[in-house]
Amino acid sequence: MTAVFKKEIRTYFNTLTGYVFLGFFVAITGIYFLINNMSTGDLNYASTLAGSLMLFWILIPILTMRLFAEEARQKTDQLLLTSPVGVWGIVLGKFLAAGVLFIFGVIITAIFPFILSRFGTIAIAETVNVMFGYVLLGLALIAVGIYISSLTDNQIVAAAATFAALFVLFMIDSFTAEMPITAASSLVFAFLLVVLAAVVLYSSVKNLWASLVFAIILGFGVFVVYRIDPSLFDGLISKFFGWFSMIERFENFYSGVFSLADTVYYLSFAFVFIYLTVNRVEKRRWA
């Protein structure tokens, strides 16, 4: 893992990727911080980071698009996969390299409020808390970008798909507000989730009968629960998609509240996509 980490860090700075990322991140955040302070007259670094969240749509694809896609295009992935480093080590090494570069950019921008501290008092606890939440959110999205990069051998496709995925994650609160809330529509949605779960199971075990039995049992269970108490399904669609809301959880950190539940959520979210990436790379290894 250490060897992969060092290789990726060197690659970031042997090419323009690392410099473009840091330059763009620091410049845009700095401009936003300056404008924010000129318009409000305070030294609120938290609102600067909250306002710069949309940068993730561009920055995360820049960080992650080449991590696996470029190796697949150049056919150097087979050399890496046959090395003594395990698949977990490969994926974690790449993830940590992108994460460290991202954190380094956040640390640089943390200089801004301290430079201006002579003009007022900085809320240090609030600043540290929002930086922590910002980093957690960034790491979770980096995991998404790495997974998407492992699905293709084209950097542009990986970047575009990551952009689209992050757009959906950021806009999910707006989407859920328009979702139907009736119990009947939620029942249909629950059956669709059962079908999706069966498809995922089939892709893992390659056993059609086991997947069908699983879908029938789970679907029957959903129907029984609906017949017993339909009110349990009210607003199920909104609740389901609301669980994936990344911005709503960041708002707690922005408000100055340290949330252990949201911390665990972000770390779990990142772990799931790292696991999916390992699964994907493992399949490519034996293809």
Protein backbone atom coordinates (compact mmCIF):
# COMPACT_ATOMS: atom_id res chain seq x y z
CA MET A 1 0.00 0.00 0.00
CA THR A 2 2.82 2.40 0.87
CA ALA A 3 4.48 1.85 -2.52
CA VAL A 4 1.21 2.56 -4.36
CA PHE A 5 0.60 5.64 -2.21
CA LYS A 6 4.07 7.07 -2.96
CA LYS A 7 3.70 6.30 -6.67
CA GLU A 8 0.38 8.12 -6.90
CA ILE A 9 1.62 11.15 -4.96
CA ARG A 10 4.63 11.39 -7.30
CA THR A 11 2.34 11.06 -10.31
CA TYR A 12 0.17 13.93 -9.08
CA PHE A 13 3.18 16.25 -8.96
CA ASN A 14 5.05 14.85 -11.97
CA THR A 15 2.04 15.85 -14.03
CA LEU A 16 -0.14 18.95 -13.93
CA THR A 17 -2.96 17.23 -12.02
CA GLY A 18 -1.70 18.03 -8.52
CA TYR A 19 -0.78 21.61 -9.37
CA VAL A 20 -4.05 22.26 -11.20
CA PHE A 21 -6.04 20.86 -8.30
CA LEU A 22 -4.22 22.83 -5.59
CA GLY A 23 -4.06 26.03 -7.64
CA PHE A 24 -7.72 25.94 -8.59
CA PHE A 25 -8.87 24.95 -5.11
CA VAL A 26 -6.84 27.58 -3.26
CA ALA A 27 -7.57 30.35 -5.78
CA ILE A 28 -11.34 29.85 -5.93
CA THR A 29 -11.67 29.33 -2.18
CA GLY A 30 -9.54 32.42 -1.56
CA ILE A 31 -11.64 34.56 -3.89
CA TYR A 32 -14.82 33.31 -2.28
CA PHE A 33 -13.41 33.99 1.19
CA LEU A 34 -12.45 37.53 0.21
CA ILE A 35 -15.84 38.30 -1.31
CA ASN A 36 -17.66 36.73 1.63
CA ASN A 37 -15.74 38.83 4.16
CA MET A 38 -16.10 42.02 2.15
CA SER A 39 -19.88 41.55 1.89
CA THR A 40 -20.57 40.40 5.47
CA GLY A 41 -17.70 41.99 7.37
CA ASP A 42 -17.11 38.88 9.49
CA LEU A 43 -14.37 36.22 9.53
CA ASN A 44 -16.61 33.21 9.13
CA TYR A 45 -14.47 30.54 7.47
CA ALA A 46 -17.30 28.02 7.89
CA SER A 47 -19.50 29.82 5.36
CA THR A 48 -16.55 29.95 2.95
CA LEU A 49 -16.18 26.17 2.99
CA ALA A 50 -19.94 25.64 2.80
CA GLY A 51 -20.14 27.96 -0.20
CA SER A 52 -17.26 26.19 -1.94
CA LEU A 53 -18.88 22.74 -1.81
CA MET A 54 -19.87 23.07 -5.46
CA LEU A 55 -16.15 22.98 -6.27
CA PHE A 56 -16.32 19.25 -5.55
CA TRP A 57 -18.16 18.76 -8.85
CA ILE A 58 -14.96 19.72 -10.68
CA LEU A 59 -12.23 18.94 -8.14
CA ILE A 60 -13.14 15.34 -7.30
CA PRO A 61 -13.21 14.25 -10.98
CA ILE A 62 -9.79 15.90 -11.44
CA LEU A 63 -8.40 13.94 -8.50
CA THR A 64 -9.85 10.54 -9.33
CA MET A 65 -10.41 10.24 -13.08
CA ARG A 66 -7.01 8.76 -13.90
CA LEU A 67 -6.42 6.56 -10.86
CA PHE A 68 -7.66 3.35 -12.48
CA ALA A 69 -8.86 4.48 -15.91
CA GLU A 70 -5.41 5.55 -17.10
CA GLU A 71 -3.79 2.34 -15.88
CA ALA A 72 -6.42 0.33 -17.77
CA ARG A 73 -5.88 2.39 -20.93
CA GLN A 74 -2.11 1.96 -20.85
CA LYS A 75 -2.46 -1.75 -19.88
CA THR A 76 -0.22 -1.15 -16.86
CA ASP A 77 -2.99 -2.32 -14.54
CA GLN A 78 -2.02 -5.96 -15.13
CA LEU A 79 1.52 -5.24 -13.94
CA LEU A 80 0.09 -3.67 -10.80
CA LEU A 81 -2.42 -6.48 -10.22
CA THR A 82 0.27 -9.15 -10.50
CA SER A 83 2.54 -7.36 -8.04
CA PRO A 84 2.91 -8.57 -4.42
CA VAL A 85 0.58 -5.78 -3.28
CA GLY A 86 -2.93 -7.04 -2.57
CA VAL A 87 -6.01 -5.48 -4.17
CA TRP A 88 -6.96 -3.80 -0.89
CA GLY A 89 -3.49 -2.30 -0.70
CA ILE A 90 -3.75 -1.01 -4.27
CA VAL A 91 -7.15 0.61 -3.77
CA LEU A 92 -6.33 2.07 -0.35
CA GLY A 93 -3.01 3.41 -1.62
CA LYS A 94 -4.73 5.29 -4.43
CA PHE A 95 -7.53 6.47 -2.14
CA LEU A 96 -5.11 7.78 0.47
CA ALA A 97 -2.99 9.57 -2.14
CA ALA A 98 -6.04 11.45 -3.46
CA GLY A 99 -7.24 12.06 0.09
CA VAL A 100 -3.92 13.45 1.29
CA LEU A 101 -3.72 15.84 -1.66
CA PHE A 102 -7.26 17.02 -0.93
CA ILE A 103 -6.52 17.50 2.79
CA PHE A 104 -3.35 19.41 1.92
CA GLY A 105 -5.44 21.83 -0.13
CA VAL A 106 -7.86 22.32 2.78
CA ILE A 107 -4.95 23.00 5.16
CA ILE A 108 -3.57 25.66 2.82
CA THR A 109 -6.91 27.46 2.68
CA ALA A 110 -7.10 27.36 6.50
CA ILE A 111 -4.40 30.03 6.44
CA PHE A 112 -6.89 32.61 5.16
CA PRO A 113 -8.86 33.25 8.35
CA PHE A 114 -5.71 33.40 10.45
CA ILE A 115 -4.17 36.01 8.17
CA LEU A 116 -7.20 38.20 8.77
CA SER A 117 -7.46 37.39 12.49
CA ARG A 118 -5.97 40.75 13.42
CA PHE A 119 -9.21 42.34 12.15
CA GLY A 120 -11.39 40.32 14.51
CA THR A 121 -11.87 37.17 16.52
CA ILE A 122 -11.89 33.76 14.83
CA ALA A 123 -14.22 31.03 16.12
CA ILE A 124 -11.51 28.37 16.28
CA ALA A 125 -13.74 25.51 17.48
CA GLU A 126 -16.28 26.22 14.73
CA THR A 127 -13.50 26.45 12.14
CA VAL A 128 -11.95 23.13 13.14
CA ASN A 129 -15.35 21.42 13.24
CA VAL A 130 -16.41 22.58 9.78
CA MET A 131 -13.00 21.64 8.36
CA PHE A 132 -13.42 18.16 9.81
CA GLY A 133 -16.85 17.76 8.23
CA TYR A 134 -15.56 19.20 4.95
CA VAL A 135 -12.71 16.68 4.86
CA LEU A 136 -15.05 13.77 5.68
CA LEU A 137 -17.42 14.79 2.89
CA GLY A 138 -14.51 15.15 0.46
CA LEU A 139 -13.12 11.70 1.33
CA ALA A 140 -16.54 10.10 0.84
CA LEU A 141 -16.86 11.67 -2.61
CA ILE A 142 -13.30 10.70 -3.52
CA ALA A 143 -14.26 7.08 -2.82
CA VAL A 144 -17.15 7.48 -5.29
CA GLY A 145 -14.79 8.91 -7.92
CA ILE A 146 -12.28 6.08 -7.49
CA TYR A 147 -15.01 3.48 -7.94
CA ILE A 148 -16.22 5.14 -11.14
CA SER A 149 -12.62 5.34 -12.41
CA SER A 150 -12.33 1.57 -11.96
CA LEU A 151 -15.29 1.02 -14.30
CA THR A 152 -13.71 2.46 -17.44
CA ASP A 153 -10.42 2.91 -19.28
CA ASN A 154 -11.25 6.44 -20.42
CA GLN A 155 -10.38 9.38 -18.17
CA ILE A 156 -12.92 11.70 -19.79
CA VAL A 157 -15.72 9.19 -19.30
CA ALA A 158 -14.63 8.67 -15.68
CA ALA A 159 -14.59 12.44 -15.06
CA ALA A 160 -18.01 12.98 -16.69
CA ALA A 161 -19.59 10.06 -14.83
CA THR A 162 -18.13 11.25 -11.52
CA PHE A 163 -19.46 14.75 -12.16
CA ALA A 164 -22.91 13.29 -12.86
CA ALA A 165 -22.83 11.12 -9.73
CA LEU A 166 -21.80 14.04 -7.52
CA PHE A 167 -24.48 16.23 -9.08
CA VAL A 168 -27.13 13.67 -8.13
CA LEU A 169 -25.75 13.33 -4.58
CA PHE A 170 -25.74 17.10 -4.11
CA MET A 171 -29.19 17.63 -5.62
CA ILE A 172 -30.86 14.66 -3.95
CA ASP A 173 -32.60 16.89 -1.40
CA SER A 174 -34.32 18.75 -4.23
CA PHE A 175 -35.28 15.48 -5.91
CA THR A 176 -36.78 13.95 -2.76
CA ALA A 177 -39.03 16.98 -2.28
CA GLU A 178 -40.79 16.03 -5.54
CA MET A 179 -41.15 12.32 -4.76
CA PRO A 180 -44.63 10.79 -4.21
CA ILE A 181 -45.43 10.12 -0.56
CA THR A 182 -48.43 7.76 -0.81
CA ALA A 183 -48.19 4.26 0.65
CA ALA A 184 -49.15 2.65 -2.70
CA SER A 185 -46.32 4.34 -4.62
CA SER A 186 -43.93 3.43 -1.81
CA LEU A 187 -45.00 -0.23 -2.10
CA VAL A 188 -44.15 -0.23 -5.81
CA PHE A 189 -40.81 1.38 -4.98
CA ALA A 190 -40.16 -1.28 -2.32
CA PHE A 191 -40.76 -4.04 -4.88
CA LEU A 192 -38.32 -2.34 -7.24
CA LEU A 193 -35.74 -2.35 -4.45
CA VAL A 194 -36.36 -6.07 -3.97
CA VAL A 195 -35.70 -6.68 -7.68
CA LEU A 196 -32.55 -4.58 -7.49
CA ALA A 197 -31.34 -6.52 -4.45
CA ALA A 198 -31.95 -9.79 -6.31
CA VAL A 199 -29.97 -8.55 -9.31
CA VAL A 200 -27.08 -7.55 -7.05
CA LEU A 201 -27.19 -10.98 -5.40
CA TYR A 202 -27.18 -12.71 -8.78
CA SER A 203 -24.19 -10.67 -9.95
CA SER A 204 -22.30 -11.87 -6.86
CA VAL A 205 -23.26 -15.56 -6.67
CA LYS A 206 -24.27 -16.23 -10.32
CA ASN A 207 -27.11 -18.48 -9.10
CA LEU A 208 -30.43 -17.67 -10.75
CA TRP A 209 -32.58 -19.91 -8.53
CA ALA A 210 -31.08 -18.54 -5.30
CA SER A 211 -31.72 -14.99 -6.54
CA LEU A 212 -35.33 -15.80 -7.49
CA VAL A 213 -36.05 -17.44 -4.14
CA PHE A 214 -34.49 -14.46 -2.36
CA ALA A 215 -36.65 -12.03 -4.36
CA ILE A 216 -39.85 -14.01 -3.74
CA ILE A 217 -39.29 -14.31 0.01
CA LEU A 218 -38.29 -10.68 0.42
CA GLY A 219 -41.12 -9.45 -1.81
CA PHE A 220 -43.66 -11.54 0.11
CA GLY A 221 -42.34 -10.07 3.38
CA VAL A 222 -42.75 -6.55 2.02
CA PHE A 223 -46.34 -7.31 0.94
CA VAL A 224 -47.23 -8.79 4.34
CA VAL A 225 -45.91 -5.73 6.17
CA TYR A 226 -47.89 -3.49 3.81
CA ARG A 227 -51.10 -5.43 4.49
CA ILE A 228 -50.56 -5.25 8.24
CA ASP A 229 -49.80 -1.52 8.41
CA PRO A 230 -49.77 0.51 5.16
CA SER A 231 -48.87 3.68 7.08
CA LEU A 232 -45.34 2.33 7.52
CA PHE A 233 -44.84 2.98 3.80
CA ASP A 234 -45.90 6.63 3.87
CA GLY A 235 -43.05 8.77 2.54
CA LEU A 236 -40.77 5.74 2.15
CA ILE A 237 -39.31 7.00 -1.12
CA SER A 238 -38.32 10.35 0.35
CA LYS A 239 -36.88 8.69 3.44
CA PHE A 240 -34.85 6.26 1.33
CA PHE A 241 -33.30 8.89 -0.89
CA GLY A 242 -32.94 11.28 2.03
CA TRP A 243 -30.59 8.76 3.64
CA PHE A 244 -28.12 9.49 0.82
CA SER A 245 -28.20 13.23 1.43
CA MET A 246 -24.58 14.37 1.83
CA ILE A 247 -25.30 18.07 2.29
CA GLU A 248 -27.85 17.65 5.06
CA ARG A 249 -25.25 15.86 7.19
CA PHE A 250 -22.63 18.51 6.47
CA GLU A 251 -25.02 21.16 7.82
CA ASN A 252 -24.50 19.84 11.35
CA PHE A 253 -20.76 20.47 11.10
CA TYR A 254 -21.45 23.86 9.54
CA SER A 255 -23.67 24.73 12.50
CA GLY A 256 -20.80 24.03 14.88
CA VAL A 257 -22.20 20.70 16.10
CA PHE A 258 -19.90 17.69 16.10
CA SER A 259 -22.00 14.71 15.05
CA LEU A 260 -20.68 11.21 15.66
CA ALA A 261 -23.53 9.74 13.62
CA ASP A 262 -22.65 11.86 10.59
CA THR A 263 -18.96 11.04 11.03
CA VAL A 264 -19.75 7.32 10.99
CA TYR A 265 -22.03 7.86 7.99
CA TYR A 266 -19.32 9.53 5.89
CA LEU A 267 -16.71 6.92 6.85
CA SER A 268 -19.16 4.08 6.12
CA PHE A 269 -20.11 5.67 2.80
CA ALA A 270 -16.43 5.85 1.81
CA PHE A 271 -15.82 2.25 2.95
CA VAL A 272 -18.73 0.93 0.85
CA PHE A 273 -17.35 2.48 -2.34
CA ILE A 274 -13.81 1.38 -1.51
CA TYR A 275 -15.17 -2.15 -1.08
CA LEU A 276 -17.02 -1.91 -4.41
CA THR A 277 -13.79 -0.75 -6.05
CA VAL A 278 -11.87 -3.68 -4.56
CA ASN A 279 -14.58 -6.02 -5.86
CA ARG A 280 -14.36 -4.48 -9.32
CA VAL A 281 -10.57 -4.61 -9.47
CA GLU A 282 -10.60 -8.18 -8.15
CA LYS A 283 -12.85 -9.24 -11.03
CA ARG A 284 -10.54 -7.53 -13.52
CA ARG A 285 -7.59 -9.29 -11.94
CA TRP A 286 -8.99 -12.72 -12.76
CA ALA A 287 -10.64 -11.78 -16.04
